[in-house]
Amino acid sequence: MAKIVNIKEYRTRVIEDKAFGHWNRRFGESYGETTKVSDLSDKCIYLLALSGDESTTAYYELIMGISDLGKASEFSFLNKKNQLRVIDIHLFLADQVRFEMMRRLKWIKNLPSEGYTLIEMVRSFDKVDAVCREAPPLLSETHRAYNYYKELTARDKEAFIRLIIPKAIEVFGKEM
């Protein structure tokens, strides 16, 4: 008897495999079409928050898989326009992962990207990036540097959040 294939389910499985196949093997966890940054485990968040070849490769696997641009190892063969696009999305996703890490530490509040899946963040990068730029994360009132932070200009507040990322990575790594 012929097996009936639901086209929508098939497409979803193909997208999930391209997008998350490497991640499922790399992190030993299961991800899918509805996965958001907030769904990632602490271990995954920590490894992606670190700078370096391993996290860059993981981001490229995800971005290039979702964008149907091939494997991460083929990045250098992409045309310059696609390379720059992958890099821009990588930097954006790395920020979102680091902000999620800081949210888990209760260092920041309001994450505009929290309503988007990883697939949406890649596919609709320009839109999601614009939304996130309109409402950057804010330092939590409970953070020890909040009194200093609240006196800063809006631009300096954004810079301050980025300045404390290395300390957040250190603290998060110790708390895992």
Protein backbone atom coordinates (compact mmCIF):
# COMPACT_ATOMS: atom_id res chain seq x y z
CA MET A 1 0.00 0.00 0.00
CA ALA A 2 1.32 3.44 -0.88
CA LYS A 3 2.33 5.66 1.99
CA ILE A 4 0.59 9.03 1.99
CA VAL A 5 2.98 11.90 2.62
CA ASN A 6 1.79 15.17 4.05
CA ILE A 7 3.73 17.78 2.06
CA LYS A 8 3.72 20.31 4.91
CA GLU A 9 5.08 17.76 7.39
CA TYR A 10 7.70 16.65 4.86
CA ARG A 11 8.86 20.24 4.25
CA THR A 12 9.02 20.86 7.99
CA ARG A 13 11.18 17.75 8.49
CA VAL A 14 13.50 18.80 5.64
CA ILE A 15 13.87 22.30 7.08
CA GLU A 16 14.43 20.94 10.58
CA ASP A 17 17.09 18.54 9.33
CA LYS A 18 18.90 21.23 7.33
CA ALA A 19 18.63 23.76 10.14
CA PHE A 20 19.20 21.58 13.18
CA GLY A 21 20.69 18.28 12.02
CA HIS A 22 24.22 19.38 12.88
CA TRP A 23 23.09 20.99 16.13
CA ASN A 24 21.23 17.87 17.26
CA ARG A 25 24.47 15.90 16.82
CA ARG A 26 26.78 18.66 18.10
CA PHE A 27 24.88 19.39 21.31
CA GLY A 28 23.20 16.02 21.80
CA GLU A 29 19.85 17.74 22.12
CA SER A 30 16.75 17.92 19.95
CA TYR A 31 15.72 21.12 18.19
CA GLY A 32 13.00 21.83 15.69
CA GLU A 33 10.93 24.31 13.76
CA THR A 34 9.53 25.95 16.91
CA THR A 35 12.83 26.23 18.79
CA LYS A 36 13.51 29.67 20.26
CA VAL A 37 16.68 30.90 21.93
CA SER A 38 14.90 30.55 25.28
CA ASP A 39 14.42 26.82 24.55
CA LEU A 40 18.16 26.15 24.34
CA SER A 41 19.77 24.41 27.30
CA ASP A 42 22.22 26.22 29.56
CA LYS A 43 25.02 24.09 28.09
CA CYS A 44 24.08 25.08 24.55
CA ILE A 45 23.69 28.76 25.49
CA TYR A 46 27.10 28.75 27.16
CA LEU A 47 28.90 27.09 24.24
CA LEU A 48 27.25 29.44 21.73
CA ALA A 49 28.03 32.49 23.89
CA LEU A 50 31.75 31.76 23.73
CA SER A 51 33.75 33.30 20.91
CA GLY A 52 35.76 31.00 18.71
CA ASP A 53 35.77 28.58 15.82
CA GLU A 54 33.46 26.05 17.47
CA SER A 55 30.63 28.50 18.11
CA THR A 56 31.14 30.21 14.74
CA THR A 57 30.85 26.85 12.97
CA ALA A 58 27.69 26.05 14.94
CA TYR A 59 26.10 29.35 13.93
CA TYR A 60 27.13 28.88 10.29
CA GLU A 61 25.63 25.36 10.30
CA LEU A 62 22.32 26.77 11.48
CA ILE A 63 22.25 29.87 9.26
CA MET A 64 23.45 28.19 6.09
CA GLY A 65 21.12 25.23 6.67
CA ILE A 66 18.08 27.46 7.10
CA SER A 67 19.12 29.65 4.16
CA ASP A 68 19.83 26.62 1.95
CA LEU A 69 23.40 27.81 1.34
CA GLY A 70 25.12 24.49 1.94
CA LYS A 71 27.33 23.30 4.77
CA ALA A 72 29.31 25.50 7.15
CA SER A 73 32.50 24.11 5.62
CA GLU A 74 31.43 25.66 2.30
CA PHE A 75 31.22 29.19 3.72
CA SER A 76 34.38 30.38 1.96
CA PHE A 77 32.89 29.33 -1.40
CA LEU A 78 29.84 31.58 -1.02
CA ASN A 79 29.76 34.84 -2.94
CA LYS A 80 30.65 37.93 -0.91
CA LYS A 81 27.02 39.05 -0.57
CA ASN A 82 26.00 35.72 0.98
CA GLN A 83 29.11 35.62 3.16
CA LEU A 84 28.31 39.05 4.58
CA ARG A 85 24.70 38.04 5.15
CA VAL A 86 25.76 34.91 7.06
CA ILE A 87 28.20 36.98 9.15
CA ASP A 88 25.56 39.62 9.95
CA ILE A 89 23.06 36.98 11.03
CA HIS A 90 25.75 35.17 13.03
CA LEU A 91 26.59 38.33 14.98
CA PHE A 92 22.90 39.03 15.58
CA LEU A 93 22.20 35.48 16.81
CA ALA A 94 25.30 35.55 19.03
CA ASP A 95 23.96 38.74 20.63
CA GLN A 96 20.56 37.16 21.19
CA VAL A 97 22.12 34.06 22.77
CA ARG A 98 24.29 36.22 25.04
CA PHE A 99 21.31 38.36 26.00
CA GLU A 100 19.36 35.20 26.84
CA MET A 101 22.27 34.07 29.00
CA MET A 102 22.19 37.44 30.80
CA ARG A 103 18.41 37.14 31.21
CA ARG A 104 18.90 33.75 32.88
CA LEU A 105 21.38 35.41 35.23
CA LYS A 106 18.65 38.02 35.89
CA TRP A 107 21.02 40.75 34.70
CA ILE A 108 18.77 42.09 31.95
CA LYS A 109 15.10 42.33 31.16
CA ASN A 110 13.06 42.67 27.96
CA LEU A 111 14.28 40.58 25.10
CA PRO A 112 12.45 41.68 21.94
CA SER A 113 13.65 38.58 20.08
CA GLU A 114 12.10 36.15 22.57
CA GLY A 115 8.94 35.78 20.52
CA TYR A 116 10.79 34.56 17.42
CA THR A 117 11.99 31.08 16.56
CA LEU A 118 15.56 30.59 15.41
CA ILE A 119 14.25 29.86 11.92
CA GLU A 120 12.27 33.12 11.89
CA MET A 121 15.30 35.07 13.12
CA VAL A 122 17.33 33.79 10.18
CA ARG A 123 14.65 33.94 7.50
CA SER A 124 13.28 37.33 8.58
CA PHE A 125 16.59 38.72 9.81
CA ASP A 126 16.08 42.29 8.57
CA LYS A 127 12.67 42.57 10.23
CA VAL A 128 13.68 40.93 13.52
CA ASP A 129 16.92 42.93 13.67
CA ALA A 130 14.96 46.18 13.23
CA VAL A 131 12.53 45.20 16.02
CA CYS A 132 15.44 44.40 18.34
CA ARG A 133 17.23 47.66 17.58
CA GLU A 134 14.07 49.58 18.54
CA ALA A 135 13.98 48.04 22.02
CA PRO A 136 17.42 46.85 23.15
CA PRO A 137 17.68 44.88 26.40
CA LEU A 138 17.73 46.88 29.62
CA LEU A 139 19.81 46.20 32.70
CA SER A 140 17.79 44.80 35.57
CA GLU A 141 17.27 47.06 38.59
CA THR A 142 18.71 44.26 40.73
CA HIS A 143 22.10 44.32 38.96
CA ARG A 144 24.82 45.83 41.16
CA ALA A 145 25.76 48.40 38.47
CA TYR A 146 22.19 49.60 37.91
CA ASN A 147 22.66 53.00 39.62
CA TYR A 148 25.57 53.76 37.29
CA TYR A 149 23.69 52.39 34.28
CA LYS A 150 20.51 54.43 34.82
CA GLU A 151 22.50 57.68 34.47
CA LEU A 152 23.84 56.74 31.02
CA THR A 153 22.50 57.91 27.66
CA ALA A 154 20.51 55.40 25.60
CA ARG A 155 23.51 54.68 23.34
CA ASP A 156 25.83 54.29 26.32
CA LYS A 157 23.34 51.92 27.96
CA GLU A 158 23.53 49.63 24.91
CA ALA A 159 27.33 49.78 25.02
CA PHE A 160 27.32 49.03 28.75
CA ILE A 161 25.22 45.89 28.23
CA ARG A 162 27.79 44.68 25.69
CA LEU A 163 30.69 45.55 28.00
CA ILE A 164 29.43 43.18 30.69
CA ILE A 165 29.03 40.21 28.31
CA PRO A 166 32.48 38.73 29.13
CA LYS A 167 31.70 38.84 32.86
CA ALA A 168 28.29 37.29 32.19
CA ILE A 169 29.92 34.42 30.29
CA GLU A 170 32.34 33.87 33.17
CA VAL A 171 29.58 33.89 35.82
CA PHE A 172 27.22 31.74 33.74
CA GLY A 173 29.97 29.17 33.14
CA LYS A 174 30.62 28.90 36.87
CA GLU A 175 26.91 28.55 37.68
CA MET A 176 26.33 25.70 35.22
